[in-house]
Structure formats: C-alpha cells, structure tokens
N, C-alpha and C. Protein backbone atom coordinates (compact mmCIF):
# COMPACT_ATOMS: atom_id res chain seq x y z
N MET A 1 104.07 38.04 146.60
CA MET A 1 104.80 37.93 145.36
C MET A 1 103.85 38.21 144.20
N ILE A 2 104.39 38.76 143.17
CA ILE A 2 103.66 39.03 141.95
C ILE A 2 104.37 38.30 140.81
N TYR A 3 103.58 37.64 139.97
CA TYR A 3 104.12 37.01 138.77
C TYR A 3 103.96 37.98 137.61
N LYS A 4 105.02 38.14 136.84
CA LYS A 4 104.96 38.93 135.61
C LYS A 4 105.41 38.02 134.47
N PHE A 5 104.44 37.53 133.71
CA PHE A 5 104.72 36.65 132.58
C PHE A 5 105.03 37.53 131.37
N LYS A 6 106.14 37.22 130.67
CA LYS A 6 106.60 38.04 129.56
C LYS A 6 106.88 37.16 128.34
N SER A 7 106.58 37.73 127.17
CA SER A 7 106.91 37.09 125.91
C SER A 7 107.07 38.17 124.85
N LYS A 8 107.97 37.94 123.92
CA LYS A 8 108.15 38.88 122.82
C LYS A 8 106.94 38.90 121.90
N ALA A 9 106.08 37.88 122.00
CA ALA A 9 104.92 37.76 121.11
C ALA A 9 103.68 38.47 121.62
N SER A 10 103.72 38.96 122.87
CA SER A 10 102.52 39.60 123.43
C SER A 10 102.94 40.57 124.53
N GLY A 11 101.95 41.26 125.05
CA GLY A 11 102.20 42.13 126.19
C GLY A 11 102.42 41.31 127.45
N ASP A 12 102.87 41.97 128.49
CA ASP A 12 103.11 41.31 129.77
C ASP A 12 101.78 40.98 130.44
N LEU A 13 101.80 39.95 131.27
CA LEU A 13 100.63 39.52 132.02
C LEU A 13 101.04 39.44 133.49
N VAL A 14 100.34 40.17 134.35
CA VAL A 14 100.67 40.23 135.77
C VAL A 14 99.59 39.50 136.57
N MET A 15 100.02 38.67 137.51
CA MET A 15 99.10 37.94 138.40
C MET A 15 99.62 38.00 139.82
N LEU A 16 98.70 38.09 140.76
CA LEU A 16 99.08 37.98 142.16
C LEU A 16 99.46 36.54 142.47
N ALA A 17 100.15 36.36 143.57
CA ALA A 17 100.70 35.04 143.91
C ALA A 17 99.67 33.91 143.94
N PRO A 18 98.51 34.08 144.59
CA PRO A 18 97.58 32.93 144.63
C PRO A 18 97.12 32.49 143.24
N GLN A 19 96.83 33.45 142.37
CA GLN A 19 96.38 33.10 141.02
C GLN A 19 97.53 32.56 140.18
N GLY A 20 98.71 33.14 140.32
CA GLY A 20 99.88 32.64 139.59
C GLY A 20 100.27 31.24 140.03
N ASP A 21 100.21 31.00 141.34
CA ASP A 21 100.49 29.66 141.86
C ASP A 21 99.51 28.64 141.29
N ARG A 22 98.22 29.01 141.28
CA ARG A 22 97.20 28.10 140.75
C ARG A 22 97.44 27.83 139.27
N LEU A 23 97.77 28.87 138.52
CA LEU A 23 98.06 28.71 137.09
C LEU A 23 99.19 27.71 136.90
N LEU A 24 100.28 27.89 137.61
CA LEU A 24 101.42 26.99 137.45
C LEU A 24 101.06 25.56 137.83
N ARG A 25 100.27 25.39 138.88
CA ARG A 25 99.85 24.03 139.27
C ARG A 25 98.97 23.40 138.19
N LEU A 26 98.09 24.21 137.57
CA LEU A 26 97.27 23.69 136.48
C LEU A 26 98.13 23.25 135.30
N LEU A 27 99.29 23.87 135.14
CA LEU A 27 100.21 23.50 134.08
C LEU A 27 101.12 22.34 134.48
N GLY A 28 100.92 21.81 135.70
CA GLY A 28 101.73 20.69 136.16
C GLY A 28 103.09 21.09 136.68
N ARG A 29 103.22 22.34 137.10
CA ARG A 29 104.49 22.85 137.62
C ARG A 29 104.32 23.28 139.06
N GLU A 30 105.40 23.24 139.79
CA GLU A 30 105.39 23.79 141.13
C GLU A 30 105.59 25.30 141.03
N PRO A 31 104.88 26.07 141.84
CA PRO A 31 105.10 27.52 141.82
C PRO A 31 106.57 27.85 142.08
N ALA A 32 107.09 28.78 141.30
CA ALA A 32 108.49 29.17 141.41
C ALA A 32 108.62 30.64 141.06
N ALA A 33 109.61 31.27 141.61
CA ALA A 33 109.83 32.69 141.38
C ALA A 33 110.23 32.99 139.94
N SER A 34 110.78 32.03 139.24
CA SER A 34 111.15 32.23 137.85
C SER A 34 110.94 30.94 137.08
N GLY A 35 110.79 31.08 135.77
CA GLY A 35 110.60 29.90 134.95
C GLY A 35 110.40 30.26 133.50
N ILE A 36 110.18 29.22 132.71
CA ILE A 36 110.00 29.40 131.27
C ILE A 36 109.04 28.34 130.75
N ILE A 37 108.24 28.74 129.78
CA ILE A 37 107.41 27.80 129.03
C ILE A 37 107.91 27.89 127.59
N GLU A 38 108.50 26.83 127.10
CA GLU A 38 109.02 26.80 125.74
C GLU A 38 107.88 26.64 124.75
N ALA A 39 108.08 27.08 123.53
CA ALA A 39 107.04 27.01 122.50
C ALA A 39 106.54 25.59 122.27
N GLY A 40 107.42 24.62 122.35
CA GLY A 40 107.03 23.23 122.16
C GLY A 40 106.08 22.69 123.22
N ALA A 41 106.09 23.30 124.39
CA ALA A 41 105.23 22.86 125.49
C ALA A 41 103.87 23.57 125.49
N MET A 42 103.69 24.53 124.62
CA MET A 42 102.48 25.36 124.65
C MET A 42 101.20 24.63 124.26
N PRO A 43 101.21 23.73 123.27
CA PRO A 43 99.96 23.01 122.98
C PRO A 43 99.44 22.24 124.20
N ALA A 44 100.35 21.58 124.92
CA ALA A 44 99.94 20.84 126.12
C ALA A 44 99.46 21.80 127.21
N ALA A 45 100.10 22.96 127.33
CA ALA A 45 99.69 23.95 128.33
C ALA A 45 98.30 24.48 128.02
N ILE A 46 98.04 24.79 126.76
CA ILE A 46 96.72 25.27 126.37
C ILE A 46 95.66 24.21 126.65
N ALA A 47 95.95 22.97 126.30
CA ALA A 47 95.01 21.87 126.54
C ALA A 47 94.74 21.70 128.03
N ALA A 48 95.77 21.81 128.86
CA ALA A 48 95.59 21.66 130.31
C ALA A 48 94.71 22.76 130.87
N LEU A 49 94.91 23.98 130.41
CA LEU A 49 94.10 25.09 130.92
C LEU A 49 92.66 24.98 130.44
N GLU A 50 92.47 24.59 129.18
CA GLU A 50 91.10 24.41 128.68
C GLU A 50 90.39 23.28 129.41
N ALA A 51 91.10 22.22 129.76
CA ALA A 51 90.51 21.12 130.52
C ALA A 51 90.14 21.58 131.94
N ALA A 52 90.97 22.41 132.54
CA ALA A 52 90.67 22.94 133.88
C ALA A 52 89.43 23.82 133.85
N ILE A 53 89.29 24.62 132.80
CA ILE A 53 88.11 25.47 132.66
C ILE A 53 86.86 24.60 132.52
N ALA A 54 86.93 23.59 131.68
CA ALA A 54 85.79 22.69 131.48
C ALA A 54 85.41 21.99 132.78
N ALA A 55 86.40 21.56 133.53
CA ALA A 55 86.13 20.88 134.81
C ALA A 55 85.51 21.84 135.81
N ALA A 56 85.99 23.08 135.87
CA ALA A 56 85.43 24.06 136.81
C ALA A 56 83.98 24.36 136.46
N GLU A 57 83.68 24.48 135.19
CA GLU A 57 82.30 24.75 134.78
C GLU A 57 81.41 23.55 135.03
N ARG A 58 81.92 22.36 134.81
CA ARG A 58 81.16 21.14 135.06
C ARG A 58 80.89 20.96 136.55
N ASP A 59 81.85 21.40 137.39
CA ASP A 59 81.72 21.22 138.84
C ASP A 59 80.93 22.34 139.50
N GLY A 60 80.39 23.27 138.73
CA GLY A 60 79.49 24.26 139.29
C GLY A 60 80.14 25.53 139.77
N GLU A 61 81.07 26.05 139.03
CA GLU A 61 81.61 27.36 139.36
C GLU A 61 80.46 28.35 139.29
N PRO A 62 80.37 29.39 140.00
CA PRO A 62 81.36 30.08 140.81
C PRO A 62 81.47 29.52 142.22
N PRO A 63 82.55 29.85 142.91
CA PRO A 63 82.74 29.36 144.27
C PRO A 63 81.65 29.88 145.21
N GLU A 64 81.23 29.04 146.11
CA GLU A 64 80.18 29.42 147.05
C GLU A 64 80.60 30.55 147.97
N GLU A 65 81.89 30.64 148.30
CA GLU A 65 82.35 31.69 149.22
C GLU A 65 82.05 33.08 148.66
N ALA A 66 82.27 33.27 147.37
CA ALA A 66 82.03 34.58 146.76
C ALA A 66 80.54 34.90 146.77
N ALA A 67 79.71 33.92 146.49
CA ALA A 67 78.27 34.14 146.49
C ALA A 67 77.77 34.46 147.90
N ALA A 68 78.36 33.83 148.90
CA ALA A 68 77.95 34.08 150.29
C ALA A 68 78.30 35.51 150.72
N ARG A 69 79.34 36.09 150.15
CA ARG A 69 79.73 37.46 150.50
C ARG A 69 79.12 38.48 149.55
N ASP A 70 78.20 38.06 148.70
CA ASP A 70 77.56 38.94 147.71
C ASP A 70 78.58 39.60 146.79
N GLU A 71 79.62 38.87 146.43
CA GLU A 71 80.63 39.36 145.50
C GLU A 71 80.44 38.70 144.15
N THR A 72 80.84 39.38 143.13
CA THR A 72 80.84 38.78 141.81
C THR A 72 82.17 38.07 141.64
N PRO A 73 82.15 36.75 141.54
CA PRO A 73 83.41 36.01 141.44
C PRO A 73 84.04 36.15 140.06
N VAL A 74 85.34 35.99 140.01
CA VAL A 74 86.05 35.91 138.75
C VAL A 74 86.12 34.43 138.40
N LEU A 75 85.48 34.06 137.32
CA LEU A 75 85.46 32.67 136.92
C LEU A 75 86.82 32.24 136.38
N LEU A 76 87.10 30.97 136.49
CA LEU A 76 88.38 30.45 136.00
C LEU A 76 88.54 30.76 134.51
N ARG A 77 87.47 30.66 133.75
CA ARG A 77 87.51 30.99 132.31
C ARG A 77 87.99 32.43 132.12
N GLN A 78 87.47 33.35 132.91
CA GLN A 78 87.86 34.76 132.80
C GLN A 78 89.32 34.96 133.21
N ARG A 79 89.73 34.26 134.23
CA ARG A 79 91.09 34.41 134.74
C ARG A 79 92.12 33.83 133.76
N LEU A 80 91.79 32.73 133.11
CA LEU A 80 92.75 32.05 132.26
C LEU A 80 92.72 32.50 130.80
N TRP A 81 91.68 33.19 130.36
CA TRP A 81 91.60 33.61 128.96
C TRP A 81 92.84 34.40 128.53
N PRO A 82 93.31 35.40 129.29
CA PRO A 82 94.51 36.11 128.84
C PRO A 82 95.74 35.22 128.75
N VAL A 83 95.83 34.24 129.63
CA VAL A 83 96.97 33.32 129.62
C VAL A 83 96.93 32.45 128.36
N ILE A 84 95.75 31.94 128.05
CA ILE A 84 95.60 31.10 126.86
C ILE A 84 95.92 31.91 125.60
N GLU A 85 95.46 33.15 125.55
CA GLU A 85 95.76 34.00 124.40
C GLU A 85 97.27 34.26 124.30
N MET A 86 97.91 34.49 125.43
CA MET A 86 99.36 34.70 125.43
C MET A 86 100.07 33.45 124.93
N LEU A 87 99.64 32.29 125.39
CA LEU A 87 100.23 31.04 124.95
C LEU A 87 100.06 30.85 123.44
N ARG A 88 98.88 31.14 122.92
CA ARG A 88 98.63 30.99 121.48
C ARG A 88 99.52 31.92 120.66
N ARG A 89 99.63 33.17 121.09
CA ARG A 89 100.47 34.12 120.36
C ARG A 89 101.94 33.74 120.43
N ALA A 90 102.38 33.32 121.60
CA ALA A 90 103.78 32.93 121.75
C ALA A 90 104.08 31.68 120.93
N GLN A 91 103.15 30.74 120.90
CA GLN A 91 103.34 29.53 120.11
C GLN A 91 103.44 29.89 118.62
N ALA A 92 102.56 30.76 118.15
CA ALA A 92 102.57 31.15 116.74
C ALA A 92 103.88 31.85 116.36
N ALA A 93 104.45 32.58 117.31
CA ALA A 93 105.71 33.30 117.06
C ALA A 93 106.94 32.46 117.42
N ASP A 94 106.71 31.25 117.91
CA ASP A 94 107.80 30.37 118.36
C ASP A 94 108.67 31.08 119.40
N ALA A 95 107.97 31.76 120.34
CA ALA A 95 108.66 32.53 121.39
C ALA A 95 108.31 31.95 122.76
N PRO A 96 109.25 31.87 123.67
CA PRO A 96 108.95 31.36 125.01
C PRO A 96 108.20 32.40 125.84
N ILE A 97 107.61 31.93 126.92
CA ILE A 97 107.05 32.79 127.95
C ILE A 97 107.91 32.60 129.18
N VAL A 98 108.36 33.70 129.77
CA VAL A 98 109.21 33.63 130.96
C VAL A 98 108.59 34.46 132.07
N TRP A 99 109.01 34.17 133.29
CA TRP A 99 108.65 35.01 134.44
C TRP A 99 109.80 35.01 135.42
N GLY A 100 109.90 36.11 136.15
CA GLY A 100 110.91 36.22 137.18
C GLY A 100 112.31 36.47 136.68
N VAL A 101 112.46 36.83 135.43
CA VAL A 101 113.80 37.09 134.89
C VAL A 101 113.91 38.52 134.40
C-alpha cells in the first residue's frame, strides 16, 4: 500500500506503507487506508512528531541494521521533516490533510 497525503495548502506527500504506518502510529492513530487530520489537531500532531524525533536522536539513531549493511540510513528527522512542513502549511491555511480519498 502507498499513502498519498493531500492538502490544498501544500503539494502531495507519498509514503510507502511501513513509513506511513509508523507516521500514523506516532500521531496516535491506527494505520488506515483513508483518514483526515483536521487543522485543529495539527499543533498536537506537530508536537508528537517533534517529540518522536527528539526521542530517536536521544536513543542513538541511526538504526544498527542499516550500519551493519553499510547503508546510509534515513533518519527519522529526515523522514518526518516534509510531514511537519505539510502540517504547518495546512494549519496556517486552516486546511485539512487527507489520505486515501
């Protein structure tokens, strides 16, 4: 499955299922094929993602599996930055973010 997050306030954001599922769980939601984040919920969503980034950095990111395979890992900060920017723009425009619709 592929998640395509859309908002009138920004461009679309596409994520593969594992990363999209993780994003939704970080936001306190169960992964679902469709959904919405209302503008009023965006400050809490931004705070949750920033807290997850801080925790990942505090806990010693990058993952050991990527280092063992000599791969350059994608850090949680890098993965979530576009989402946080989308949330900020959508909040400023009072526009929801939807996926699967």
